[in-house]
């Protein structure tokens, strides 16, 4: 990761069902995070996190472990 990139905040939402993964993601951003790596094993999280990122204009990358969400 380039040095000018802010470090990611790791949010582990494994074992939590929707809406909790998105609520944890939102909390991290409200607490000032610029980048969040969200780990979630809830099948419904994919659509919820995608909608959350799109609604806020955030960049989203889906990874094998979960999601990387970044403020623009």
PDB file of N, CA and C in Angstrom:
ATOM      1  N   UNK A   1       0.847  -1.178   0.000  1.00  0.00           N
ATOM      2  CA  UNK A   1       0.000   0.000   0.000  1.00  0.00           C
ATOM      3  C   UNK A   1       0.890   1.237   0.000  1.00  0.00           C
ATOM      4  N   UNK A   2       0.635   2.201  -0.871  1.00  0.00           N
ATOM      5  CA  UNK A   2       1.429   3.432  -0.893  1.00  0.00           C
ATOM      6  C   UNK A   2       1.327   4.173   0.433  1.00  0.00           C
ATOM      7  N   UNK A   3       2.378   4.898   0.789  1.00  0.00           N
ATOM      8  CA  UNK A   3       2.422   5.572   2.083  1.00  0.00           C
ATOM      9  C   UNK A   3       1.409   6.703   2.200  1.00  0.00           C
ATOM     10  N   UNK A   4       0.904   7.226   1.073  1.00  0.00           N
ATOM     11  CA  UNK A   4      -0.072   8.311   1.149  1.00  0.00           C
ATOM     12  C   UNK A   4      -1.490   7.797   1.374  1.00  0.00           C
ATOM     13  N   UNK A   5      -1.663   6.489   1.428  1.00  0.00           N
ATOM     14  CA  UNK A   5      -2.977   5.902   1.671  1.00  0.00           C
ATOM     15  C   UNK A   5      -3.192   5.740   3.176  1.00  0.00           C
ATOM     16  N   UNK A   6      -4.374   6.104   3.668  1.00  0.00           N
ATOM     17  CA  UNK A   6      -4.632   5.898   5.096  1.00  0.00           C
ATOM     18  C   UNK A   6      -4.745   4.405   5.401  1.00  0.00           C
ATOM     19  N   UNK A   7      -4.365   4.000   6.596  1.00  0.00           N
ATOM     20  CA  UNK A   7      -4.479   2.585   6.945  1.00  0.00           C
ATOM     21  C   UNK A   7      -5.946   2.176   7.040  1.00  0.00           C
ATOM     22  N   UNK A   8      -6.209   0.936   6.721  1.00  0.00           N
ATOM     23  CA  UNK A   8      -7.577   0.422   6.794  1.00  0.00           C
ATOM     24  C   UNK A   8      -7.924   0.065   8.232  1.00  0.00           C
ATOM     25  N   UNK A   9      -9.164   0.323   8.595  1.00  0.00           N
ATOM     26  CA  UNK A   9      -9.713  -0.134   9.865  1.00  0.00           C
ATOM     27  C   UNK A   9     -10.314  -1.509   9.594  1.00  0.00           C
ATOM     28  N   UNK A  10      -9.950  -2.493  10.391  1.00  0.00           N
ATOM     29  CA  UNK A  10     -10.480  -3.845  10.217  1.00  0.00           C
ATOM     30  C   UNK A  10     -11.718  -4.026  11.074  1.00  0.00           C
ATOM     31  N   UNK A  11     -12.805  -4.450  10.433  1.00  0.00           N
ATOM     32  CA  UNK A  11     -14.054  -4.715  11.135  1.00  0.00           C
ATOM     33  C   UNK A  11     -14.407  -6.181  10.894  1.00  0.00           C
ATOM     34  N   UNK A  12     -14.466  -6.950  11.965  1.00  0.00           N
ATOM     35  CA  UNK A  12     -14.798  -8.374  11.868  1.00  0.00           C
ATOM     36  C   UNK A  12     -16.271  -8.555  12.220  1.00  0.00           C
ATOM     37  N   UNK A  13     -17.084  -8.791  11.196  1.00  0.00           N
ATOM     38  CA  UNK A  13     -18.518  -8.995  11.403  1.00  0.00           C
ATOM     39  C   UNK A  13     -18.909 -10.440  11.105  1.00  0.00           C
ATOM     40  N   UNK A  14     -17.929 -11.345  11.125  1.00  0.00           N
ATOM     41  CA  UNK A  14     -18.241 -12.760  10.901  1.00  0.00           C
ATOM     42  C   UNK A  14     -19.109 -13.265  12.039  1.00  0.00           C
ATOM     43  N   UNK A  15     -20.107 -14.053  11.661  1.00  0.00           N
ATOM     44  CA  UNK A  15     -21.043 -14.582  12.645  1.00  0.00           C
ATOM     45  C   UNK A  15     -22.224 -13.672  12.896  1.00  0.00           C
ATOM     46  N   UNK A  16     -22.184 -12.466  12.351  1.00  0.00           N
ATOM     47  CA  UNK A  16     -23.289 -11.520  12.509  1.00  0.00           C
ATOM     48  C   UNK A  16     -24.153 -11.522  11.257  1.00  0.00           C
ATOM     49  N   UNK A  17     -25.444 -11.432  11.435  1.00  0.00           N
ATOM     50  CA  UNK A  17     -26.383 -11.408  10.321  1.00  0.00           C
ATOM     51  C   UNK A  17     -26.843  -9.987  10.068  1.00  0.00           C
ATOM     52  N   UNK A  18     -27.258  -9.745   8.836  1.00  0.00           N
ATOM     53  CA  UNK A  18     -27.743  -8.415   8.455  1.00  0.00           C
ATOM     54  C   UNK A  18     -28.885  -8.012   9.380  1.00  0.00           C
ATOM     55  N   UNK A  19     -28.853  -6.766   9.774  1.00  0.00           N
ATOM     56  CA  UNK A  19     -28.106  -5.635   9.236  1.00  0.00           C
ATOM     57  C   UNK A  19     -26.780  -5.349   9.947  1.00  0.00           C
ATOM     58  N   UNK A  20     -26.334  -6.217  10.853  1.00  0.00           N
ATOM     59  CA  UNK A  20     -25.176  -5.910  11.690  1.00  0.00           C
ATOM     60  C   UNK A  20     -23.881  -5.642  10.932  1.00  0.00           C
ATOM     61  N   UNK A  21     -23.538  -6.384   9.875  1.00  0.00           N
ATOM     62  CA  UNK A  21     -22.291  -6.041   9.175  1.00  0.00           C
ATOM     63  C   UNK A  21     -22.278  -4.606   8.650  1.00  0.00           C
ATOM     64  N   UNK A  22     -23.386  -4.158   8.073  1.00  0.00           N
ATOM     65  CA  UNK A  22     -23.447  -2.782   7.555  1.00  0.00           C
ATOM     66  C   UNK A  22     -23.461  -1.775   8.701  1.00  0.00           C
ATOM     67  N   UNK A  23     -24.106  -2.105   9.792  1.00  0.00           N
ATOM     68  CA  UNK A  23     -24.105  -1.194  10.940  1.00  0.00           C
ATOM     69  C   UNK A  23     -22.692  -1.036  11.499  1.00  0.00           C
ATOM     70  N   UNK A  24     -21.925  -2.113  11.554  1.00  0.00           N
ATOM     71  CA  UNK A  24     -20.532  -2.037  12.020  1.00  0.00           C
ATOM     72  C   UNK A  24     -19.677  -1.236  11.037  1.00  0.00           C
ATOM     73  N   UNK A  25     -19.925  -1.428   9.741  1.00  0.00           N
ATOM     74  CA  UNK A  25     -19.222  -0.666   8.706  1.00  0.00           C
ATOM     75  C   UNK A  25     -19.522   0.821   8.849  1.00  0.00           C
ATOM     76  N   UNK A  26     -20.780   1.146   9.002  1.00  0.00           N
ATOM     77  CA  UNK A  26     -21.191   2.544   9.147  1.00  0.00           C
ATOM     78  C   UNK A  26     -20.585   3.170  10.398  1.00  0.00           C
ATOM     79  N   UNK A  27     -20.532   2.424  11.478  1.00  0.00           N
ATOM     80  CA  UNK A  27     -19.937   2.928  12.726  1.00  0.00           C
ATOM     81  C   UNK A  27     -18.462   3.279  12.511  1.00  0.00           C
ATOM     82  N   UNK A  28     -17.749   2.430  11.801  1.00  0.00           N
ATOM     83  CA  UNK A  28     -16.327   2.699  11.539  1.00  0.00           C
ATOM     84  C   UNK A  28     -16.163   4.001  10.756  1.00  0.00           C
ATOM     85  N   UNK A  29     -17.008   4.235   9.761  1.00  0.00           N
ATOM     86  CA  UNK A  29     -16.915   5.480   8.994  1.00  0.00           C
ATOM     87  C   UNK A  29     -17.343   6.679   9.836  1.00  0.00           C
ATOM     88  N   UNK A  30     -18.358   6.527  10.652  1.00  0.00           N
ATOM     89  CA  UNK A  30     -18.769   7.640  11.520  1.00  0.00           C
ATOM     90  C   UNK A  30     -17.697   7.963  12.552  1.00  0.00           C
ATOM     91  N   UNK A  31     -16.890   6.972  12.907  1.00  0.00           N
ATOM     92  CA  UNK A  31     -15.787   7.196  13.846  1.00  0.00           C
ATOM     93  C   UNK A  31     -14.552   7.778  13.162  1.00  0.00           C
ATOM     94  N   UNK A  32     -14.643   8.051  11.856  1.00  0.00           N
ATOM     95  CA  UNK A  32     -13.563   8.745  11.160  1.00  0.00           C
ATOM     96  C   UNK A  32     -12.722   7.920  10.208  1.00  0.00           C
ATOM     97  N   UNK A  33     -13.027   6.648  10.050  1.00  0.00           N
ATOM     98  CA  UNK A  33     -12.235   5.814   9.136  1.00  0.00           C
ATOM     99  C   UNK A  33     -12.361   6.319   7.704  1.00  0.00           C
ATOM    100  N   UNK A  34     -11.276   6.201   6.968  1.00  0.00           N
ATOM    101  CA  UNK A  34     -11.285   6.523   5.537  1.00  0.00           C
ATOM    102  C   UNK A  34     -11.365   5.254   4.694  1.00  0.00           C
ATOM    103  N   UNK A  35     -10.832   4.161   5.231  1.00  0.00           N
ATOM    104  CA  UNK A  35     -10.831   2.867   4.547  1.00  0.00           C
ATOM    105  C   UNK A  35     -11.211   1.806   5.571  1.00  0.00           C
ATOM    106  N   UNK A  36     -12.119   0.907   5.185  1.00  0.00           N
ATOM    107  CA  UNK A  36     -12.533  -0.162   6.090  1.00  0.00           C
ATOM    108  C   UNK A  36     -12.442  -1.497   5.357  1.00  0.00           C
ATOM    109  N   UNK A  37     -11.768  -2.459   5.988  1.00  0.00           N
ATOM    110  CA  UNK A  37     -11.792  -3.844   5.536  1.00  0.00           C
ATOM    111  C   UNK A  37     -12.814  -4.558   6.409  1.00  0.00           C
ATOM    112  N   UNK A  38     -13.896  -5.003   5.784  1.00  0.00           N
ATOM    113  CA  UNK A  38     -14.996  -5.654   6.497  1.00  0.00           C
ATOM    114  C   UNK A  38     -14.990  -7.138   6.189  1.00  0.00           C
ATOM    115  N   UNK A  39     -14.861  -7.956   7.222  1.00  0.00           N
ATOM    116  CA  UNK A  39     -14.969  -9.409   7.073  1.00  0.00           C
ATOM    117  C   UNK A  39     -16.380  -9.808   7.479  1.00  0.00           C
ATOM    118  N   UNK A  40     -17.077 -10.510   6.585  1.00  0.00           N
ATOM    119  CA  UNK A  40     -18.437 -10.948   6.875  1.00  0.00           C
ATOM    120  C   UNK A  40     -18.694 -12.271   6.183  1.00  0.00           C
ATOM    121  N   UNK A  41     -19.381 -13.177   6.881  1.00  0.00           N
ATOM    122  CA  UNK A  41     -19.750 -14.455   6.280  1.00  0.00           C
ATOM    123  C   UNK A  41     -21.254 -14.555   6.048  1.00  0.00           C
ATOM    124  N   UNK A  42     -21.965 -13.450   6.195  1.00  0.00           N
ATOM    125  CA  UNK A  42     -23.406 -13.432   5.947  1.00  0.00           C
ATOM    126  C   UNK A  42     -23.656 -13.293   4.448  1.00  0.00           C
ATOM    127  N   UNK A  43     -24.366 -14.242   3.824  1.00  0.00           N
ATOM    128  CA  UNK A  43     -24.625 -14.149   2.387  1.00  0.00           C
ATOM    129  C   UNK A  43     -25.368 -12.871   1.990  1.00  0.00           C
ATOM    130  N   UNK A  44     -26.176 -12.332   2.868  1.00  0.00           N
ATOM    131  CA  UNK A  44     -26.916 -11.112   2.566  1.00  0.00           C
ATOM    132  C   UNK A  44     -26.071  -9.855   2.626  1.00  0.00           C
ATOM    133  N   UNK A  45     -24.884  -9.954   3.183  1.00  0.00           N
ATOM    134  CA  UNK A  45     -24.038  -8.765   3.330  1.00  0.00           C
ATOM    135  C   UNK A  45     -23.591  -8.211   1.986  1.00  0.00           C
ATOM    136  N   UNK A  46     -23.408  -9.063   0.992  1.00  0.00           N
ATOM    137  CA  UNK A  46     -22.925  -8.590  -0.314  1.00  0.00           C
ATOM    138  C   UNK A  46     -23.844  -7.524  -0.892  1.00  0.00           C
ATOM    139  N   UNK A  47     -25.135  -7.780  -0.902  1.00  0.00           N
ATOM    140  CA  UNK A  47     -26.061  -6.793  -1.467  1.00  0.00           C
ATOM    141  C   UNK A  47     -26.180  -5.570  -0.569  1.00  0.00           C
ATOM    142  N   UNK A  48     -26.147  -5.772   0.730  1.00  0.00           N
ATOM    143  CA  UNK A  48     -26.280  -4.650   1.660  1.00  0.00           C
ATOM    144  C   UNK A  48     -25.051  -3.736   1.632  1.00  0.00           C
ATOM    145  N   UNK A  49     -23.865  -4.313   1.614  1.00  0.00           N
ATOM    146  CA  UNK A  49     -22.639  -3.513   1.576  1.00  0.00           C
ATOM    147  C   UNK A  49     -22.522  -2.796   0.232  1.00  0.00           C
ATOM    148  N   UNK A  50     -22.891  -3.477  -0.845  1.00  0.00           N
ATOM    149  CA  UNK A  50     -22.872  -2.852  -2.172  1.00  0.00           C
ATOM    150  C   UNK A  50     -23.800  -1.650  -2.210  1.00  0.00           C
ATOM    151  N   UNK A  51     -25.005  -1.795  -1.682  1.00  0.00           N
ATOM    152  CA  UNK A  51     -25.966  -0.689  -1.653  1.00  0.00           C
ATOM    153  C   UNK A  51     -25.461   0.447  -0.768  1.00  0.00           C
ATOM    154  N   UNK A  52     -24.892   0.116   0.376  1.00  0.00           N
ATOM    155  CA  UNK A  52     -24.350   1.120   1.291  1.00  0.00           C
ATOM    156  C   UNK A  52     -23.271   1.947   0.600  1.00  0.00           C
ATOM    157  N   UNK A  53     -22.318   1.266  -0.049  1.00  0.00           N
ATOM    158  CA  UNK A  53     -21.216   1.964  -0.722  1.00  0.00           C
ATOM    159  C   UNK A  53     -21.736   2.828  -1.867  1.00  0.00           C
ATOM    160  N   UNK A  54     -22.665   2.313  -2.648  1.00  0.00           N
ATOM    161  CA  UNK A  54     -23.214   3.070  -3.781  1.00  0.00           C
ATOM    162  C   UNK A  54     -23.969   4.304  -3.302  1.00  0.00           C
ATOM    163  N   UNK A  55     -24.742   4.154  -2.247  1.00  0.00           N
ATOM    164  CA  UNK A  55     -25.533   5.262  -1.716  1.00  0.00           C
ATOM    165  C   UNK A  55     -24.644   6.398  -1.223  1.00  0.00           C
ATOM    166  N   UNK A  56     -23.495   6.068  -0.698  1.00  0.00           N
ATOM    167  CA  UNK A  56     -22.600   7.084  -0.144  1.00  0.00           C
ATOM    168  C   UNK A  56     -21.493   7.510  -1.102  1.00  0.00           C
ATOM    169  N   UNK A  57     -21.435   6.892  -2.280  1.00  0.00           N
ATOM    170  CA  UNK A  57     -20.402   7.243  -3.247  1.00  0.00           C
ATOM    171  C   UNK A  57     -19.029   6.725  -2.869  1.00  0.00           C
ATOM    172  N   UNK A  58     -18.973   5.642  -2.100  1.00  0.00           N
ATOM    173  CA  UNK A  58     -17.712   5.046  -1.683  1.00  0.00           C
ATOM    174  C   UNK A  58     -17.255   4.030  -2.725  1.00  0.00           C
ATOM    175  N   UNK A  59     -15.940   3.813  -2.788  1.00  0.00           N
ATOM    176  CA  UNK A  59     -15.385   2.757  -3.636  1.00  0.00           C
ATOM    177  C   UNK A  59     -15.498   1.434  -2.890  1.00  0.00           C
ATOM    178  N   UNK A  60     -15.798   0.371  -3.632  1.00  0.00           N
ATOM    179  CA  UNK A  60     -15.976  -0.953  -3.033  1.00  0.00           C
ATOM    180  C   UNK A  60     -15.195  -1.980  -3.829  1.00  0.00           C
ATOM    181  N   UNK A  61     -14.427  -2.798  -3.114  1.00  0.00           N
ATOM    182  CA  UNK A  61     -13.744  -3.941  -3.713  1.00  0.00           C
ATOM    183  C   UNK A  61     -14.152  -5.163  -2.905  1.00  0.00           C
ATOM    184  N   UNK A  62     -14.680  -6.169  -3.594  1.00  0.00           N
ATOM    185  CA  UNK A  62     -15.039  -7.422  -2.938  1.00  0.00           C
ATOM    186  C   UNK A  62     -13.800  -8.309  -2.949  1.00  0.00           C
ATOM    187  N   UNK A  63     -13.460  -8.843  -1.773  1.00  0.00           N
ATOM    188  CA  UNK A  63     -12.295  -9.710  -1.626  1.00  0.00           C
ATOM    189  C   UNK A  63     -12.761 -11.084  -1.148  1.00  0.00           C
ATOM    190  N   UNK A  64     -11.904 -12.089  -1.208  1.00  0.00           N
ATOM    191  CA  UNK A  64     -12.301 -13.405  -0.695  1.00  0.00           C
ATOM    192  C   UNK A  64     -12.675 -13.369   0.791  1.00  0.00           C
ATOM    193  N   UNK A  65     -12.076 -12.456   1.539  1.00  0.00           N
ATOM    194  CA  UNK A  65     -12.339 -12.360   2.975  1.00  0.00           C
ATOM    195  C   UNK A  65     -13.545 -11.491   3.299  1.00  0.00           C
ATOM    196  N   UNK A  66     -13.967 -10.652   2.364  1.00  0.00           N
ATOM    197  CA  UNK A  66     -15.072  -9.734   2.651  1.00  0.00           C
ATOM    198  C   UNK A  66     -15.069  -8.563   1.698  1.00  0.00           C
ATOM    199  N   UNK A  67     -14.919  -7.362   2.252  1.00  0.00           N
ATOM    200  CA  UNK A  67     -15.069  -6.145   1.466  1.00  0.00           C
ATOM    201  C   UNK A  67     -14.032  -5.106   1.885  1.00  0.00           C
ATOM    202  N   UNK A  68     -13.559  -4.334   0.917  1.00  0.00           N
ATOM    203  CA  UNK A  68     -12.721  -3.175   1.186  1.00  0.00           C
ATOM    204  C   UNK A  68     -13.525  -1.974   0.720  1.00  0.00           C
ATOM    205  N   UNK A  69     -13.854  -1.076   1.639  1.00  0.00           N
ATOM    206  CA  UNK A  69     -14.679   0.091   1.333  1.00  0.00           C
ATOM    207  C   UNK A  69     -13.855   1.330   1.639  1.00  0.00           C
ATOM    208  N   UNK A  70     -13.857   2.274   0.689  1.00  0.00           N
ATOM    209  CA  UNK A  70     -13.003   3.461   0.797  1.00  0.00           C
ATOM    210  C   UNK A  70     -13.811   4.710   0.459  1.00  0.00           C
ATOM    211  N   UNK A  71     -13.652   5.727   1.314  1.00  0.00           N
ATOM    212  CA  UNK A  71     -14.228   7.035   0.980  1.00  0.00           C
ATOM    213  C   UNK A  71     -13.513   7.580  -0.240  1.00  0.00           C
ATOM    214  N   UNK A  72     -14.224   8.304  -1.073  1.00  0.00           N
ATOM    215  CA  UNK A  72     -13.590   8.945  -2.239  1.00  0.00           C
ATOM    216  C   UNK A  72     -13.078  10.294  -1.852  1.00  0.00           C
TER     217      UNK A  72
END
